[in-house]
Amino acid sequence: MAFSEYALALSGLLGTMLVPFAVLYQMLRLKRRALRIPVRSAPAPRGYKR
């Protein structure tokens, strides 16, 4: 009983910590994707090797 309550509290804590990180990660991915599209369509500047 005590272990299940402990596991429940731990999972709840991890969930509350994970939600903002997941949102931040999704926002960064969307931002990076939005930035990457114009760079790829435009000609690459000299000295830009990737």
PDB file of N, CA and C in Angstrom:
ATOM      1  N   MET A   1       0.840  -1.203   0.000  1.00  0.00           N
ATOM      2  CA  MET A   1       0.000   0.000   0.000  1.00  0.00           C
ATOM      3  C   MET A   1       0.876   1.254   0.000  1.00  0.00           C
ATOM      4  N   ALA A   2       1.844   1.272   0.911  1.00  0.00           N
ATOM      5  CA  ALA A   2       2.703   2.453   1.012  1.00  0.00           C
ATOM      6  C   ALA A   2       3.548   2.601  -0.254  1.00  0.00           C
ATOM      7  N   PHE A   3       3.978   1.465  -0.802  1.00  0.00           N
ATOM      8  CA  PHE A   3       4.808   1.528  -2.013  1.00  0.00           C
ATOM      9  C   PHE A   3       4.008   2.064  -3.197  1.00  0.00           C
ATOM     10  N   SER A   4       2.740   1.639  -3.293  1.00  0.00           N
ATOM     11  CA  SER A   4       1.910   2.115  -4.405  1.00  0.00           C
ATOM     12  C   SER A   4       1.673   3.619  -4.280  1.00  0.00           C
ATOM     13  N   GLU A   5       1.458   4.090  -3.066  1.00  0.00           N
ATOM     14  CA  GLU A   5       1.266   5.532  -2.856  1.00  0.00           C
ATOM     15  C   GLU A   5       2.544   6.289  -3.212  1.00  0.00           C
ATOM     16  N   TYR A   6       3.694   5.720  -2.823  1.00  0.00           N
ATOM     17  CA  TYR A   6       4.982   6.341  -3.136  1.00  0.00           C
ATOM     18  C   TYR A   6       5.195   6.395  -4.648  1.00  0.00           C
ATOM     19  N   ALA A   7       4.881   5.287  -5.321  1.00  0.00           N
ATOM     20  CA  ALA A   7       5.038   5.241  -6.778  1.00  0.00           C
ATOM     21  C   ALA A   7       4.092   6.241  -7.440  1.00  0.00           C
ATOM     22  N   LEU A   8       2.871   6.346  -6.916  1.00  0.00           N
ATOM     23  CA  LEU A   8       1.892   7.279  -7.474  1.00  0.00           C
ATOM     24  C   LEU A   8       2.379   8.715  -7.316  1.00  0.00           C
ATOM     25  N   ALA A   9       2.900   9.040  -6.117  1.00  0.00           N
ATOM     26  CA  ALA A   9       3.399  10.399  -5.882  1.00  0.00           C
ATOM     27  C   ALA A   9       4.597  10.687  -6.791  1.00  0.00           C
ATOM     28  N   LEU A  10       5.473   9.696  -6.946  1.00  0.00           N
ATOM     29  CA  LEU A  10       6.656   9.874  -7.790  1.00  0.00           C
ATOM     30  C   LEU A  10       6.258  10.086  -9.250  1.00  0.00           C
ATOM     31  N   SER A  11       5.307   9.282  -9.724  1.00  0.00           N
ATOM     32  CA  SER A  11       4.864   9.424 -11.116  1.00  0.00           C
ATOM     33  C   SER A  11       4.177  10.773 -11.315  1.00  0.00           C
ATOM     34  N   GLY A  12       3.412  11.220 -10.311  1.00  0.00           N
ATOM     35  CA  GLY A  12       2.758  12.522 -10.413  1.00  0.00           C
ATOM     36  C   GLY A  12       3.772  13.645 -10.467  1.00  0.00           C
ATOM     37  N   LEU A  13       4.811  13.545  -9.634  1.00  0.00           N
ATOM     38  CA  LEU A  13       5.865  14.563  -9.617  1.00  0.00           C
ATOM     39  C   LEU A  13       6.603  14.582 -10.951  1.00  0.00           C
ATOM     40  N   LEU A  14       6.927  13.386 -11.462  1.00  0.00           N
ATOM     41  CA  LEU A  14       7.613  13.305 -12.755  1.00  0.00           C
ATOM     42  C   LEU A  14       6.733  13.873 -13.857  1.00  0.00           C
ATOM     43  N   GLY A  15       5.428  13.589 -13.788  1.00  0.00           N
ATOM     44  CA  GLY A  15       4.510  14.101 -14.800  1.00  0.00           C
ATOM     45  C   GLY A  15       4.462  15.613 -14.788  1.00  0.00           C
ATOM     46  N   THR A  16       4.362  16.209 -13.591  1.00  0.00           N
ATOM     47  CA  THR A  16       4.290  17.666 -13.508  1.00  0.00           C
ATOM     48  C   THR A  16       5.599  18.299 -13.965  1.00  0.00           C
ATOM     49  N   MET A  17       6.721  17.617 -13.724  1.00  0.00           N
ATOM     50  CA  MET A  17       8.009  18.150 -14.182  1.00  0.00           C
ATOM     51  C   MET A  17       8.176  17.955 -15.680  1.00  0.00           C
ATOM     52  N   LEU A  18       7.606  16.853 -16.202  1.00  0.00           N
ATOM     53  CA  LEU A  18       7.805  16.507 -17.606  1.00  0.00           C
ATOM     54  C   LEU A  18       6.961  17.368 -18.536  1.00  0.00           C
ATOM     55  N   VAL A  19       5.765  17.776 -18.091  1.00  0.00           N
ATOM     56  CA  VAL A  19       4.856  18.524 -18.974  1.00  0.00           C
ATOM     57  C   VAL A  19       5.483  19.818 -19.495  1.00  0.00           C
ATOM     58  N   PRO A  20       6.041  20.708 -18.635  1.00  0.00           N
ATOM     59  CA  PRO A  20       6.630  21.941 -19.174  1.00  0.00           C
ATOM     60  C   PRO A  20       7.822  21.664 -20.085  1.00  0.00           C
ATOM     61  N   PHE A  21       8.618  20.643 -19.748  1.00  0.00           N
ATOM     62  CA  PHE A  21       9.765  20.308 -20.594  1.00  0.00           C
ATOM     63  C   PHE A  21       9.301  19.831 -21.961  1.00  0.00           C
ATOM     64  N   ALA A  22       8.224  19.032 -21.994  1.00  0.00           N
ATOM     65  CA  ALA A  22       7.697  18.550 -23.276  1.00  0.00           C
ATOM     66  C   ALA A  22       7.181  19.715 -24.107  1.00  0.00           C
ATOM     67  N   VAL A  23       6.475  20.655 -23.459  1.00  0.00           N
ATOM     68  CA  VAL A  23       5.952  21.825 -24.180  1.00  0.00           C
ATOM     69  C   VAL A  23       7.106  22.650 -24.732  1.00  0.00           C
ATOM     70  N   LEU A  24       8.137  22.849 -23.903  1.00  0.00           N
ATOM     71  CA  LEU A  24       9.300  23.633 -24.336  1.00  0.00           C
ATOM     72  C   LEU A  24       9.996  22.947 -25.514  1.00  0.00           C
ATOM     73  N   TYR A  25      10.127  21.631 -25.432  1.00  0.00           N
ATOM     74  CA  TYR A  25      10.778  20.871 -26.507  1.00  0.00           C
ATOM     75  C   TYR A  25       9.998  20.989 -27.815  1.00  0.00           C
ATOM     76  N   GLN A  26       8.664  20.880 -27.721  1.00  0.00           N
ATOM     77  CA  GLN A  26       7.841  21.005 -28.927  1.00  0.00           C
ATOM     78  C   GLN A  26       7.961  22.396 -29.527  1.00  0.00           C
ATOM     79  N   MET A  27       7.976  23.427 -28.662  1.00  0.00           N
ATOM     80  CA  MET A  27       8.095  24.803 -29.152  1.00  0.00           C
ATOM     81  C   MET A  27       9.439  25.001 -29.849  1.00  0.00           C
ATOM     82  N   LEU A  28      10.510  24.459 -29.245  1.00  0.00           N
ATOM     83  CA  LEU A  28      11.836  24.595 -29.849  1.00  0.00           C
ATOM     84  C   LEU A  28      11.897  23.865 -31.184  1.00  0.00           C
ATOM     85  N   ARG A  29      11.268  22.678 -31.250  1.00  0.00           N
ATOM     86  CA  ARG A  29      11.268  21.930 -32.508  1.00  0.00           C
ATOM     87  C   ARG A  29      10.526  22.699 -33.590  1.00  0.00           C
ATOM     88  N   LEU A  30       9.372  23.265 -33.234  1.00  0.00           N
ATOM     89  CA  LEU A  30       8.594  24.026 -34.217  1.00  0.00           C
ATOM     90  C   LEU A  30       9.365  25.258 -34.666  1.00  0.00           C
ATOM     91  N   LYS A  31      10.029  25.923 -33.705  1.00  0.00           N
ATOM     92  CA  LYS A  31      10.785  27.132 -34.032  1.00  0.00           C
ATOM     93  C   LYS A  31      11.955  26.781 -34.954  1.00  0.00           C
ATOM     94  N   ARG A  32      12.643  25.670 -34.651  1.00  0.00           N
ATOM     95  CA  ARG A  32      13.783  25.261 -35.457  1.00  0.00           C
ATOM     96  C   ARG A  32      13.325  24.884 -36.863  1.00  0.00           C
ATOM     97  N   ARG A  33      12.167  24.205 -36.949  1.00  0.00           N
ATOM     98  CA  ARG A  33      11.644  23.813 -38.255  1.00  0.00           C
ATOM     99  C   ARG A  33      11.267  25.054 -39.059  1.00  0.00           C
ATOM    100  N   ALA A  34      10.668  26.051 -38.397  1.00  0.00           N
ATOM    101  CA  ALA A  34      10.271  27.283 -39.083  1.00  0.00           C
ATOM    102  C   ALA A  34      11.503  28.047 -39.561  1.00  0.00           C
ATOM    103  N   LEU A  35      12.600  27.966 -38.787  1.00  0.00           N
ATOM    104  CA  LEU A  35      13.826  28.664 -39.177  1.00  0.00           C
ATOM    105  C   LEU A  35      14.566  27.899 -40.273  1.00  0.00           C
ATOM    106  N   ARG A  36      14.453  26.577 -40.266  1.00  0.00           N
ATOM    107  CA  ARG A  36      15.261  25.773 -41.176  1.00  0.00           C
ATOM    108  C   ARG A  36      14.741  25.836 -42.610  1.00  0.00           C
ATOM    109  N   ILE A  37      13.431  26.002 -42.786  1.00  0.00           N
ATOM    110  CA  ILE A  37      12.856  25.970 -44.139  1.00  0.00           C
ATOM    111  C   ILE A  37      13.395  27.104 -45.025  1.00  0.00           C
ATOM    112  N   PRO A  38      13.412  28.380 -44.576  1.00  0.00           N
ATOM    113  CA  PRO A  38      13.936  29.437 -45.453  1.00  0.00           C
ATOM    114  C   PRO A  38      15.433  29.273 -45.726  1.00  0.00           C
ATOM    115  N   VAL A  39      16.178  28.756 -44.754  1.00  0.00           N
ATOM    116  CA  VAL A  39      17.621  28.584 -44.930  1.00  0.00           C
ATOM    117  C   VAL A  39      17.887  27.553 -46.024  1.00  0.00           C
ATOM    118  N   ARG A  40      17.084  26.486 -46.047  1.00  0.00           N
ATOM    119  CA  ARG A  40      17.313  25.420 -47.011  1.00  0.00           C
ATOM    120  C   ARG A  40      16.955  25.891 -48.428  1.00  0.00           C
ATOM    121  N   SER A  41      15.890  26.688 -48.568  1.00  0.00           N
ATOM    122  CA  SER A  41      15.472  27.130 -49.898  1.00  0.00           C
ATOM    123  C   SER A  41      16.414  28.205 -50.435  1.00  0.00           C
ATOM    124  N   ALA A  42      16.986  29.020 -49.536  1.00  0.00           N
ATOM    125  CA  ALA A  42      17.900  30.081 -49.972  1.00  0.00           C
ATOM    126  C   ALA A  42      19.264  29.470 -50.295  1.00  0.00           C
ATOM    127  N   PRO A  43      20.038  30.096 -51.189  1.00  0.00           N
ATOM    128  CA  PRO A  43      21.381  29.586 -51.493  1.00  0.00           C
ATOM    129  C   PRO A  43      22.288  29.694 -50.270  1.00  0.00           C
ATOM    130  N   ALA A  44      23.116  28.675 -50.064  1.00  0.00           N
ATOM    131  CA  ALA A  44      23.991  28.654 -48.891  1.00  0.00           C
ATOM    132  C   ALA A  44      25.105  29.679 -49.049  1.00  0.00           C
ATOM    133  N   PRO A  45      25.404  30.463 -48.021  1.00  0.00           N
ATOM    134  CA  PRO A  45      26.495  31.445 -48.098  1.00  0.00           C
ATOM    135  C   PRO A  45      27.848  30.759 -48.186  1.00  0.00           C
ATOM    136  N   ARG A  46      28.850  31.477 -48.665  1.00  0.00           N
ATOM    137  CA  ARG A  46      30.188  30.893 -48.802  1.00  0.00           C
ATOM    138  C   ARG A  46      30.784  30.605 -47.425  1.00  0.00           C
ATOM    139  N   GLY A  47      31.474  29.484 -47.328  1.00  0.00           N
ATOM    140  CA  GLY A  47      32.077  29.098 -46.062  1.00  0.00           C
ATOM    141  C   GLY A  47      31.094  28.399 -45.150  1.00  0.00           C
ATOM    142  N   TYR A  48      29.886  28.169 -45.640  1.00  0.00           N
ATOM    143  CA  TYR A  48      28.875  27.496 -44.828  1.00  0.00           C
ATOM    144  C   TYR A  48      28.867  26.023 -45.200  1.00  0.00           C
ATOM    145  N   LYS A  49      29.583  25.214 -44.395  1.00  0.00           N
ATOM    146  CA  LYS A  49      29.658  23.783 -44.674  1.00  0.00           C
ATOM    147  C   LYS A  49      28.905  23.036 -43.594  1.00  0.00           C
ATOM    148  N   ARG A  50      28.026  22.105 -44.038  1.00  0.00           N
ATOM    149  CA  ARG A  50      27.292  21.310 -43.056  1.00  0.00           C
ATOM    150  C   ARG A  50      26.976  19.951 -43.640  1.00  0.00           C
TER     151      ARG A  50
END
